[in-house]
Protein backbone atom coordinates (compact mmCIF):
# COMPACT_ATOMS: atom_id res chain seq x y z
CA MET A 1 -77.76 -49.39 -18.92
CA THR A 2 -75.46 -46.89 -17.30
CA GLU A 3 -76.35 -43.24 -16.77
CA ARG A 4 -74.70 -40.23 -15.58
CA LEU A 5 -76.37 -36.99 -14.61
CA ILE A 6 -73.82 -33.89 -14.57
CA CYS A 7 -75.41 -31.32 -12.47
CA GLY A 8 -74.29 -27.34 -12.24
CA GLN A 9 -75.48 -24.34 -13.96
CA VAL A 10 -76.29 -25.80 -17.40
CA LEU A 11 -75.96 -23.64 -20.33
CA SER A 12 -78.06 -24.16 -23.66
CA TRP A 13 -78.18 -22.34 -27.09
CA GLN A 14 -81.84 -21.35 -28.44
CA GLY A 15 -80.13 -19.51 -31.20
CA ASP A 16 -77.26 -17.30 -32.28
CA PRO A 17 -76.58 -14.30 -30.11
CA PHE A 18 -75.67 -12.23 -32.88
CA ALA A 19 -78.75 -12.83 -34.66
CA ARG A 20 -81.54 -12.94 -31.81
CA PRO A 21 -81.80 -11.01 -28.50
CA LEU A 22 -79.52 -12.69 -25.46
CA ALA A 23 -83.08 -13.80 -23.69
CA ASP A 24 -83.87 -15.59 -26.76
CA SER A 25 -80.79 -16.80 -27.71
CA VAL A 26 -79.42 -18.78 -24.52
CA ARG A 27 -81.00 -20.59 -21.32
CA ILE A 28 -78.89 -20.86 -18.33
CA ASP A 29 -80.34 -23.03 -15.30
CA SER A 30 -78.60 -22.13 -12.01
CA ASN A 31 -79.88 -25.45 -10.88
CA GLY A 32 -80.17 -27.52 -13.92
CA ALA A 33 -78.70 -31.13 -15.14
CA VAL A 34 -77.83 -33.34 -18.30
CA LEU A 35 -78.49 -36.83 -18.38
CA VAL A 36 -76.13 -38.56 -20.42
CA ARG A 37 -76.82 -42.10 -21.71
CA GLU A 38 -74.78 -44.11 -24.50
CA GLY A 39 -72.50 -41.26 -25.37
CA ARG A 40 -75.20 -38.77 -26.03
CA ILE A 41 -77.48 -36.39 -24.35
CA ALA A 42 -80.96 -38.12 -23.23
CA ALA A 43 -82.45 -35.16 -21.23
CA ILE A 44 -81.96 -31.81 -19.98
CA GLY A 45 -83.74 -30.01 -17.06
CA THR A 46 -83.88 -29.23 -13.41
CA ALA A 47 -81.64 -31.51 -10.90
CA ALA A 48 -84.35 -31.89 -8.77
CA GLN A 49 -86.57 -33.39 -11.80
CA LEU A 50 -83.70 -35.53 -13.25
CA ARG A 51 -82.42 -36.81 -9.91
CA ALA A 52 -86.22 -38.07 -9.25
CA ALA A 53 -86.53 -39.54 -12.46
CA HIS A 54 -83.16 -41.52 -12.85
CA PRO A 55 -82.56 -42.56 -9.12
CA LEU A 56 -79.92 -45.04 -10.63
CA ALA A 57 -77.93 -42.65 -12.30
CA THR A 58 -74.28 -41.63 -11.40
CA ILE A 59 -74.15 -38.30 -9.92
CA GLU A 60 -71.54 -35.62 -11.34
CA ALA A 61 -72.27 -32.71 -8.77
CA MET A 62 -70.34 -29.54 -10.25
CA GLY A 63 -71.70 -27.25 -7.70
CA GLU A 64 -71.58 -23.95 -9.28
CA ALA A 65 -69.55 -24.54 -12.59
CA LEU A 66 -71.30 -23.72 -15.58
CA ILE A 67 -71.84 -26.85 -17.85
CA LEU A 68 -71.82 -26.04 -21.43
CA PRO A 69 -70.70 -27.73 -24.75
CA GLY A 70 -67.04 -28.76 -25.13
CA PHE A 71 -65.16 -26.14 -26.90
CA ILE A 72 -64.60 -26.47 -30.94
CA ASP A 73 -61.63 -25.56 -32.53
CA ALA A 74 -61.99 -25.15 -35.76
CA HIS A 75 -58.74 -24.25 -37.71
CA ALA A 76 -55.30 -25.90 -36.17
CA HIS A 77 -52.06 -26.92 -37.47
CA TYR A 78 -51.35 -29.88 -34.99
CA PRO A 79 -47.87 -30.42 -36.15
CA GLN A 80 -46.87 -26.86 -35.31
CA THR A 81 -47.29 -27.89 -31.63
CA ALA A 82 -43.79 -27.53 -30.83
CA ILE A 83 -43.20 -24.40 -32.64
CA ILE A 84 -45.88 -22.56 -30.89
CA ALA A 85 -44.67 -18.86 -29.60
CA SER A 86 -41.61 -18.78 -32.03
CA TRP A 87 -40.65 -15.07 -32.06
CA GLY A 88 -40.73 -12.57 -34.82
CA LYS A 89 -41.82 -13.51 -38.15
CA ARG A 90 -44.76 -12.65 -40.33
CA LEU A 91 -46.65 -15.12 -42.72
CA ILE A 92 -44.04 -16.02 -45.20
CA ASP A 93 -41.20 -16.13 -43.01
CA TRP A 94 -42.82 -17.89 -40.35
CA LEU A 95 -43.49 -20.84 -42.97
CA ASN A 96 -39.95 -20.67 -44.35
CA THR A 97 -38.40 -20.15 -40.83
CA TYR A 98 -40.29 -22.25 -38.27
CA THR A 99 -43.32 -24.44 -40.16
CA PHE A 100 -41.60 -25.98 -42.83
CA PRO A 101 -38.51 -27.26 -41.30
CA GLU A 102 -40.74 -28.78 -38.73
CA GLU A 103 -42.93 -30.40 -40.84
CA THR A 104 -40.53 -32.34 -42.37
CA ARG A 105 -40.35 -34.31 -39.04
CA PHE A 106 -43.56 -35.79 -39.61
CA ALA A 107 -42.25 -38.35 -42.40
CA ASP A 108 -41.16 -40.06 -39.35
CA PRO A 109 -44.49 -42.13 -37.60
CA ASP A 110 -42.97 -41.84 -34.09
CA TYR A 111 -42.46 -38.21 -34.13
CA ALA A 112 -45.86 -37.95 -35.58
CA ARG A 113 -47.72 -40.03 -33.03
CA ASP A 114 -45.55 -38.56 -29.77
CA VAL A 115 -46.81 -35.30 -31.24
CA ALA A 116 -50.43 -35.91 -31.57
CA ALA A 117 -50.67 -37.59 -28.21
CA ARG A 118 -48.83 -34.45 -26.88
CA TYR A 119 -51.48 -32.27 -28.85
CA PHE A 120 -54.48 -34.13 -27.74
CA ASP A 121 -53.38 -33.83 -24.21
CA LEU A 122 -52.92 -30.21 -24.28
CA THR A 123 -55.97 -29.31 -25.99
CA LEU A 124 -57.96 -31.61 -23.64
CA ALA A 125 -56.18 -29.46 -20.90
CA GLU A 126 -58.04 -26.63 -22.00
CA GLY A 127 -61.52 -27.92 -22.25
CA THR A 128 -61.29 -28.62 -26.35
CA THR A 129 -63.03 -31.68 -27.47
CA THR A 130 -63.10 -31.19 -31.15
CA ILE A 131 -60.81 -29.97 -33.52
CA CYS A 132 -60.27 -29.33 -36.88
CA SER A 133 -56.37 -29.61 -38.04
CA PHE A 134 -54.18 -29.30 -40.99
CA CYS A 135 -51.60 -32.40 -40.99
CA THR A 136 -48.56 -32.61 -43.04
CA ILE A 137 -47.89 -33.98 -46.68
CA HIS A 138 -46.86 -37.12 -44.83
CA PRO A 139 -49.64 -39.41 -44.73
CA GLU A 140 -48.08 -40.71 -41.33
CA SER A 141 -49.06 -37.00 -39.93
CA VAL A 142 -52.59 -38.25 -41.13
CA ASP A 143 -52.64 -41.61 -39.51
CA ALA A 144 -51.05 -40.12 -36.14
CA PHE A 145 -53.82 -37.49 -35.70
CA PHE A 146 -57.07 -39.57 -36.45
CA ALA A 147 -55.51 -42.75 -34.67
CA GLU A 148 -55.07 -40.70 -31.30
CA ALA A 149 -58.73 -39.03 -31.63
CA GLU A 150 -59.99 -42.44 -32.13
CA LYS A 151 -58.15 -43.74 -29.14
CA ARG A 152 -59.65 -40.96 -27.18
CA GLY A 153 -63.33 -41.10 -28.64
CA GLN A 154 -63.11 -37.65 -30.21
CA ARG A 155 -64.84 -36.01 -33.08
CA VAL A 156 -62.48 -34.46 -35.15
CA ALA A 157 -61.67 -33.35 -38.72
CA GLY A 158 -58.49 -33.15 -40.34
CA GLY A 159 -56.58 -34.03 -43.86
CA ARG A 160 -53.22 -34.23 -45.38
CA THR A 161 -51.82 -31.21 -46.32
CA CYS A 162 -51.05 -30.66 -50.48
CA MET A 163 -48.60 -28.47 -51.91
CA ASP A 164 -46.92 -28.89 -55.37
CA ARG A 165 -44.68 -25.34 -55.42
CA ASN A 166 -43.23 -22.89 -53.33
CA ALA A 167 -42.41 -25.57 -50.38
CA PRO A 168 -39.25 -26.85 -49.71
CA ASP A 169 -37.85 -30.79 -50.59
CA GLY A 170 -39.75 -33.13 -48.74
CA LEU A 171 -42.94 -31.06 -48.29
CA ARG A 172 -43.83 -30.79 -52.27
CA ASP A 173 -45.81 -33.46 -53.88
CA ASP A 174 -47.12 -33.29 -57.51
CA VAL A 175 -50.82 -33.33 -58.93
CA GLN A 176 -51.42 -37.14 -58.99
CA SER A 177 -49.75 -38.02 -55.40
CA ALA A 178 -51.72 -35.50 -53.69
CA TYR A 179 -55.08 -36.70 -55.43
CA ASP A 180 -54.16 -40.13 -54.67
CA GLU A 181 -52.71 -40.03 -51.25
CA SER A 182 -55.57 -38.11 -50.34
CA LEU A 183 -58.21 -40.18 -51.78
CA ALA A 184 -56.68 -43.09 -49.81
CA LEU A 185 -56.38 -41.33 -46.32
CA LEU A 186 -60.25 -40.24 -47.20
CA GLN A 187 -61.27 -43.96 -47.64
CA LYS A 188 -59.09 -44.53 -44.37
CA TRP A 189 -60.69 -42.25 -42.21
CA HIS A 190 -63.49 -40.71 -43.60
CA ARG A 191 -66.66 -41.55 -41.15
CA ARG A 192 -64.83 -44.14 -39.07
CA GLY A 193 -65.95 -43.32 -35.86
CA ARG A 194 -65.94 -39.84 -35.32
CA ALA A 195 -63.71 -38.63 -38.10
CA THR A 196 -64.07 -36.12 -40.77
CA TYR A 197 -61.95 -36.07 -43.77
CA ALA A 198 -60.93 -32.45 -44.77
CA VAL A 199 -59.49 -31.98 -48.24
CA THR A 200 -56.42 -29.88 -47.41
CA PRO A 201 -54.54 -27.59 -49.95
CA ARG A 202 -52.68 -25.37 -47.78
CA PHE A 203 -53.41 -22.26 -49.76
CA SER A 204 -53.17 -20.92 -53.10
CA PRO A 205 -49.48 -19.99 -53.31
CA THR A 206 -48.42 -23.69 -52.35
CA SER A 207 -50.47 -25.26 -55.16
CA THR A 208 -50.59 -25.16 -58.63
CA PRO A 209 -53.93 -24.42 -60.57
CA GLU A 210 -53.82 -27.97 -62.02
CA GLN A 211 -53.55 -29.09 -58.24
CA LEU A 212 -56.10 -27.31 -56.94
CA ASP A 213 -58.46 -28.58 -59.77
CA SER A 214 -57.42 -32.09 -58.82
CA LEU A 215 -58.26 -31.18 -55.49
CA GLY A 216 -61.65 -29.44 -56.35
CA ALA A 217 -62.37 -33.15 -58.20
CA LEU A 218 -61.72 -35.10 -55.40
CA TRP A 219 -64.19 -32.79 -52.92
CA ALA A 220 -66.72 -32.85 -55.51
CA ALA A 221 -66.84 -36.73 -55.58
CA HIS A 222 -67.15 -36.72 -51.89
CA PRO A 223 -69.06 -33.60 -51.05
CA ASP A 224 -69.79 -35.00 -47.29
CA CYS A 225 -66.36 -34.13 -46.35
CA LEU A 226 -64.85 -30.64 -45.52
CA MET A 227 -62.52 -28.69 -47.69
CA GLN A 228 -59.89 -26.68 -45.28
CA THR A 229 -57.43 -23.64 -46.65
CA HIS A 230 -56.40 -20.44 -45.73
CA LEU A 231 -57.82 -16.94 -47.21
CA SER A 232 -56.65 -13.22 -47.24
CA GLU A 233 -54.59 -13.71 -44.24
CA GLN A 234 -51.89 -10.98 -44.81
CA THR A 235 -51.79 -8.01 -47.30
CA ASP A 236 -48.29 -9.04 -48.82
CA GLU A 237 -50.02 -12.75 -48.97
CA ILE A 238 -52.48 -11.20 -51.14
CA ALA A 239 -50.06 -9.49 -53.51
CA TRP A 240 -48.09 -12.72 -53.91
CA VAL A 241 -51.70 -14.53 -55.11
CA ARG A 242 -52.19 -11.79 -57.36
CA ASP A 243 -48.67 -12.29 -59.22
CA LEU A 244 -49.32 -16.12 -59.10
CA TYR A 245 -52.76 -15.93 -60.52
CA PRO A 246 -52.98 -12.55 -62.51
CA GLU A 247 -56.47 -14.05 -64.54
CA ALA A 248 -58.20 -14.33 -60.89
CA ARG A 249 -61.11 -11.64 -59.81
CA ASP A 250 -59.53 -11.96 -56.53
CA TYR A 251 -57.88 -14.22 -53.87
CA LEU A 252 -61.48 -16.20 -53.46
CA ASP A 253 -61.80 -16.82 -56.94
CA THR A 254 -58.43 -19.00 -57.05
CA TYR A 255 -60.53 -21.36 -55.00
CA GLU A 256 -63.89 -20.72 -56.84
CA THR A 257 -62.43 -21.46 -60.16
CA HIS A 258 -61.16 -24.93 -59.23
CA GLY A 259 -64.37 -25.93 -57.58
CA LEU A 260 -63.27 -25.02 -53.90
CA LEU A 261 -66.07 -23.00 -52.85
CA GLY A 262 -69.38 -24.36 -51.23
CA PRO A 263 -71.12 -25.76 -48.09
CA GLY A 264 -68.07 -27.40 -45.96
CA ALA A 265 -65.73 -24.92 -47.11
CA LEU A 266 -63.50 -23.48 -44.06
CA PHE A 267 -61.47 -20.22 -44.79
CA GLY A 268 -59.37 -19.92 -42.14
CA HIS A 269 -58.23 -16.06 -41.47
CA ALA A 270 -60.47 -14.34 -44.06
CA ILE A 271 -59.26 -10.59 -42.90
CA HIS A 272 -58.90 -8.70 -46.02
CA LEU A 273 -61.86 -9.37 -47.65
CA GLN A 274 -63.28 -7.61 -50.81
CA PRO A 275 -67.25 -7.06 -51.34
CA ARG A 276 -67.52 -9.63 -54.25
CA GLU A 277 -65.65 -12.13 -52.07
CA CYS A 278 -67.79 -11.54 -48.84
CA ASP A 279 -71.20 -11.62 -51.36
CA ARG A 280 -69.59 -15.16 -52.62
CA LEU A 281 -68.72 -16.50 -49.34
CA ARG A 282 -72.21 -15.97 -47.95
CA GLU A 283 -73.99 -17.19 -51.20
CA ALA A 284 -72.32 -20.41 -51.44
CA GLY A 285 -72.66 -21.18 -47.83
CA ALA A 286 -68.95 -21.45 -47.06
CA ALA A 287 -67.64 -20.69 -43.56
CA LEU A 288 -64.85 -18.26 -42.33
CA VAL A 289 -62.89 -18.93 -39.28
CA HIS A 290 -61.40 -16.15 -36.95
CA CYS A 291 -58.01 -16.89 -35.69
CA PRO A 292 -57.35 -13.88 -33.25
CA THR A 293 -54.56 -15.02 -31.29
CA SER A 294 -52.65 -15.86 -34.47
CA ASN A 295 -53.71 -12.44 -36.20
CA THR A 296 -52.42 -10.41 -33.63
CA PHE A 297 -49.27 -12.69 -33.03
CA ILE A 298 -48.05 -12.62 -36.76
CA GLY A 299 -49.35 -8.96 -37.12
CA SER A 300 -51.72 -10.14 -40.01
CA GLY A 301 -54.75 -7.51 -39.03
CA LEU A 302 -57.99 -7.37 -37.53
CA PHE A 303 -61.14 -9.48 -38.23
CA ASP A 304 -64.34 -7.51 -38.31
CA MET A 305 -66.61 -9.93 -36.62
CA ALA A 306 -69.60 -7.56 -36.23
CA ARG A 307 -69.42 -6.95 -40.01
CA ARG A 308 -68.90 -10.63 -41.04
CA LYS A 309 -71.83 -11.62 -38.92
CA ALA A 310 -73.95 -8.80 -39.73
CA GLU A 311 -74.16 -9.68 -43.39
CA GLY A 312 -74.95 -13.33 -42.51
CA GLN A 313 -71.39 -15.26 -42.79
CA ILE A 314 -71.01 -18.79 -40.82
CA VAL A 315 -68.01 -17.83 -38.46
CA GLY A 316 -66.23 -20.39 -36.62
CA LEU A 317 -63.11 -19.61 -33.96
CA ALA A 318 -59.91 -21.08 -33.71
CA THR A 319 -56.55 -20.97 -32.16
CA ASP A 320 -54.52 -21.56 -35.29
CA THR A 321 -51.70 -23.17 -33.19
CA GLY A 322 -48.69 -22.55 -33.60
CA GLY A 323 -49.47 -19.38 -35.37
CA GLY A 324 -51.60 -18.61 -32.81
CA SER A 325 -50.32 -18.23 -29.22
CA SER A 326 -52.27 -20.26 -26.95
CA PHE A 327 -53.68 -23.72 -27.06
CA SER A 328 -56.76 -22.33 -24.86
CA MET A 329 -60.31 -21.72 -26.63
CA LEU A 330 -61.08 -18.93 -23.36
CA ARG A 331 -57.36 -17.32 -24.13
CA THR A 332 -58.92 -17.20 -28.01
CA MET A 333 -62.06 -15.95 -26.89
CA ALA A 334 -60.28 -13.25 -25.03
CA ALA A 335 -58.31 -12.16 -28.13
CA ALA A 336 -61.56 -12.27 -30.15
CA TYR A 337 -63.13 -9.64 -27.58
CA GLU A 338 -60.05 -7.64 -27.69
CA ILE A 339 -60.15 -7.42 -31.33
CA GLY A 340 -63.99 -6.79 -31.66
CA GLN A 341 -62.97 -3.51 -29.38
CA LEU A 342 -60.36 -2.30 -31.94
CA THR A 343 -63.02 -2.85 -34.84
CA GLY A 344 -65.53 -0.76 -32.69
CA THR A 345 -67.78 -3.62 -31.45
CA PRO A 346 -67.15 -5.33 -28.14
CA LEU A 347 -68.48 -8.84 -27.99
CA HIS A 348 -70.90 -10.07 -25.24
CA ALA A 349 -69.90 -12.93 -23.19
CA ALA A 350 -72.58 -15.19 -24.85
CA GLN A 351 -71.39 -14.11 -28.36
CA LEU A 352 -67.86 -15.46 -27.66
CA LEU A 353 -68.74 -18.75 -26.07
CA TRP A 354 -71.31 -19.57 -29.12
CA LEU A 355 -68.40 -19.10 -31.31
CA ALA A 356 -66.47 -21.53 -29.41
CA THR A 357 -69.21 -24.17 -29.62
CA ALA A 358 -72.22 -23.85 -31.38
CA GLY A 359 -70.69 -21.27 -33.95
CA SER A 360 -67.57 -23.52 -34.95
CA ALA A 361 -70.02 -26.70 -35.04
CA GLN A 362 -72.08 -24.88 -37.75
CA ALA A 363 -68.87 -24.12 -39.60
CA LEU A 364 -67.99 -27.74 -39.64
CA ARG A 365 -71.29 -28.64 -40.66
CA MET A 366 -71.77 -30.69 -37.04
CA GLU A 367 -74.41 -28.61 -35.52
CA GLY A 368 -76.48 -31.45 -35.42
CA GLN A 369 -73.84 -33.49 -33.34
CA ILE A 370 -72.08 -30.92 -31.01
CA GLY A 371 -72.06 -27.57 -30.02
CA ASN A 372 -74.84 -27.60 -27.88
CA LEU A 373 -76.62 -29.46 -24.62
CA GLN A 374 -79.61 -30.77 -26.75
CA VAL A 375 -81.24 -34.06 -26.33
CA GLY A 376 -79.81 -36.58 -29.14
CA HIS A 377 -76.52 -34.21 -29.41
CA GLU A 378 -73.30 -36.30 -28.46
CA ALA A 379 -72.13 -35.91 -25.11
CA ASP A 380 -69.33 -33.80 -25.26
CA ILE A 381 -69.48 -31.35 -22.26
CA ILE A 382 -67.47 -29.28 -20.02
CA ALA A 383 -67.37 -27.68 -16.57
CA LEU A 384 -66.04 -24.31 -16.02
CA ASP A 385 -65.19 -23.12 -12.77
CA LEU A 386 -66.09 -19.56 -12.49
CA THR A 387 -64.19 -18.82 -9.49
CA SER A 388 -60.70 -21.04 -10.41
CA THR A 389 -57.97 -18.52 -9.66
CA PRO A 390 -58.06 -15.51 -6.45
CA ALA A 391 -58.36 -12.81 -9.48
CA ILE A 392 -61.17 -14.55 -11.09
CA ALA A 393 -62.84 -15.12 -7.81
CA GLN A 394 -62.62 -11.72 -6.28
CA ARG A 395 -64.33 -10.33 -9.38
CA ALA A 396 -66.81 -13.02 -9.79
CA ALA A 397 -67.85 -11.69 -6.18
CA ARG A 398 -68.65 -8.57 -7.33
CA ALA A 399 -70.44 -9.58 -10.55
CA ASP A 400 -74.15 -8.30 -10.88
CA ASP A 401 -75.24 -11.70 -12.78
CA ILE A 402 -73.56 -14.84 -14.31
CA TRP A 403 -72.64 -13.22 -17.46
CA GLU A 404 -70.15 -11.20 -15.88
CA GLN A 405 -68.88 -13.89 -14.17
CA VAL A 406 -68.51 -15.52 -17.45
CA PHE A 407 -66.91 -12.79 -18.97
CA ALA A 408 -64.11 -12.88 -15.91
CA THR A 409 -63.16 -16.30 -16.77
CA ILE A 410 -63.04 -15.65 -20.42
CA MET A 411 -60.67 -12.91 -20.22
CA MET A 412 -58.65 -14.59 -17.34
CA GLY A 413 -59.10 -17.83 -17.25
CA ASP A 414 -57.07 -20.87 -18.29
CA ASP A 415 -56.60 -24.53 -17.74
CA ARG A 416 -57.65 -24.23 -14.06
CA ALA A 417 -60.76 -22.71 -15.08
CA VAL A 418 -61.79 -26.26 -16.72
CA LYS A 419 -62.94 -28.47 -13.57
CA ALA A 420 -64.29 -31.38 -15.69
CA VAL A 421 -64.24 -32.85 -19.26
CA TRP A 422 -66.40 -35.80 -20.68
CA ILE A 423 -66.10 -36.79 -24.24
CA ALA A 424 -69.03 -38.87 -25.75
CA GLY A 425 -70.22 -39.37 -22.22
CA GLN A 426 -67.22 -40.40 -20.56
CA LYS A 427 -65.21 -38.54 -18.08
CA ALA A 428 -61.86 -37.51 -19.67
CA ARG A 429 -60.62 -34.67 -16.81
CA GLY A 430 -61.60 -33.67 -13.70
């Protein structure tokens, strides 16, 4: 039986650092190690103890690198890979000018496979080991996403994007085809290996009430799937929803009325929420997904992380590529910190790492599988070099503790900081 021992400064979560003191929520062993066996974490302890107990284990010595769970991107659009960093549009114009024309190309299975491979290469380089992605209306795009993840052994979630109005020809379906094709893809991919299917209405403006009803029924029949969509990203979007659904109490009600609110529901953005919406999201056990680089790049607004966590919301973190301007979860954490400053509550480095790992795992209902270095968890692990560039190294040299070092890497780090990546215990980078 092959064993692998990954040695370095090992970080493991004991609790949520938004809810508990730092000393009670996270542990860093400066001379630690993680024992990996058959794709899972078999033991955590000091390097000396585990080396002595497992003398035949393959040693992966990472020096002073920080060993932590792989990053989890809880809301992305892999079909937008090629249009990332496109200039000067807000949400609705962005969709019409960039997104919809690009998504029409995914009817071509070769194109879908090419972009999927490129996307996983780009995200792996940034230390991202799990992604929850929207695909396009085309089954070929869903197959390409899950097949590429399966080839790499990655845990992912995704689904066919459903739209039966307010979308161009070639990207619209109808109530029956959305249900039938989503069901077929769910039956093909859900729980196959490390795949989770997500029922995926793009957002209320592009679905009729009848389609939302149908997708709510599909989710009710398969409640261990996820449901992903968008909520209250921009104020003009909210006004559009009000016009399209005049009977709804608020934006969230357009989902709630049709059975699309509950545990496993993922609402991207969720910036401009009303008090009733906040109460219902918390009561229902749904998750909000903060997309900070997208929110600033497209001019959506400022998510109030401190308020949402204080009221007991489940919150994950995401790049929202390609509306988000980076594939990097480090850059996403940095943007979350900057937005926290603008909303009056700067986030600690531990809170940022929590959002990108255990917090996003909780949002995806995968906290028992990934997001922490814990015995029995799947061995998706990364090693971060805390001195990866001269600028970071000179700041780290002045740090009073490891959290100052980590914060410098969050704020200034890029793919050069990702020293190594293991997926299900297998070395994938480094």
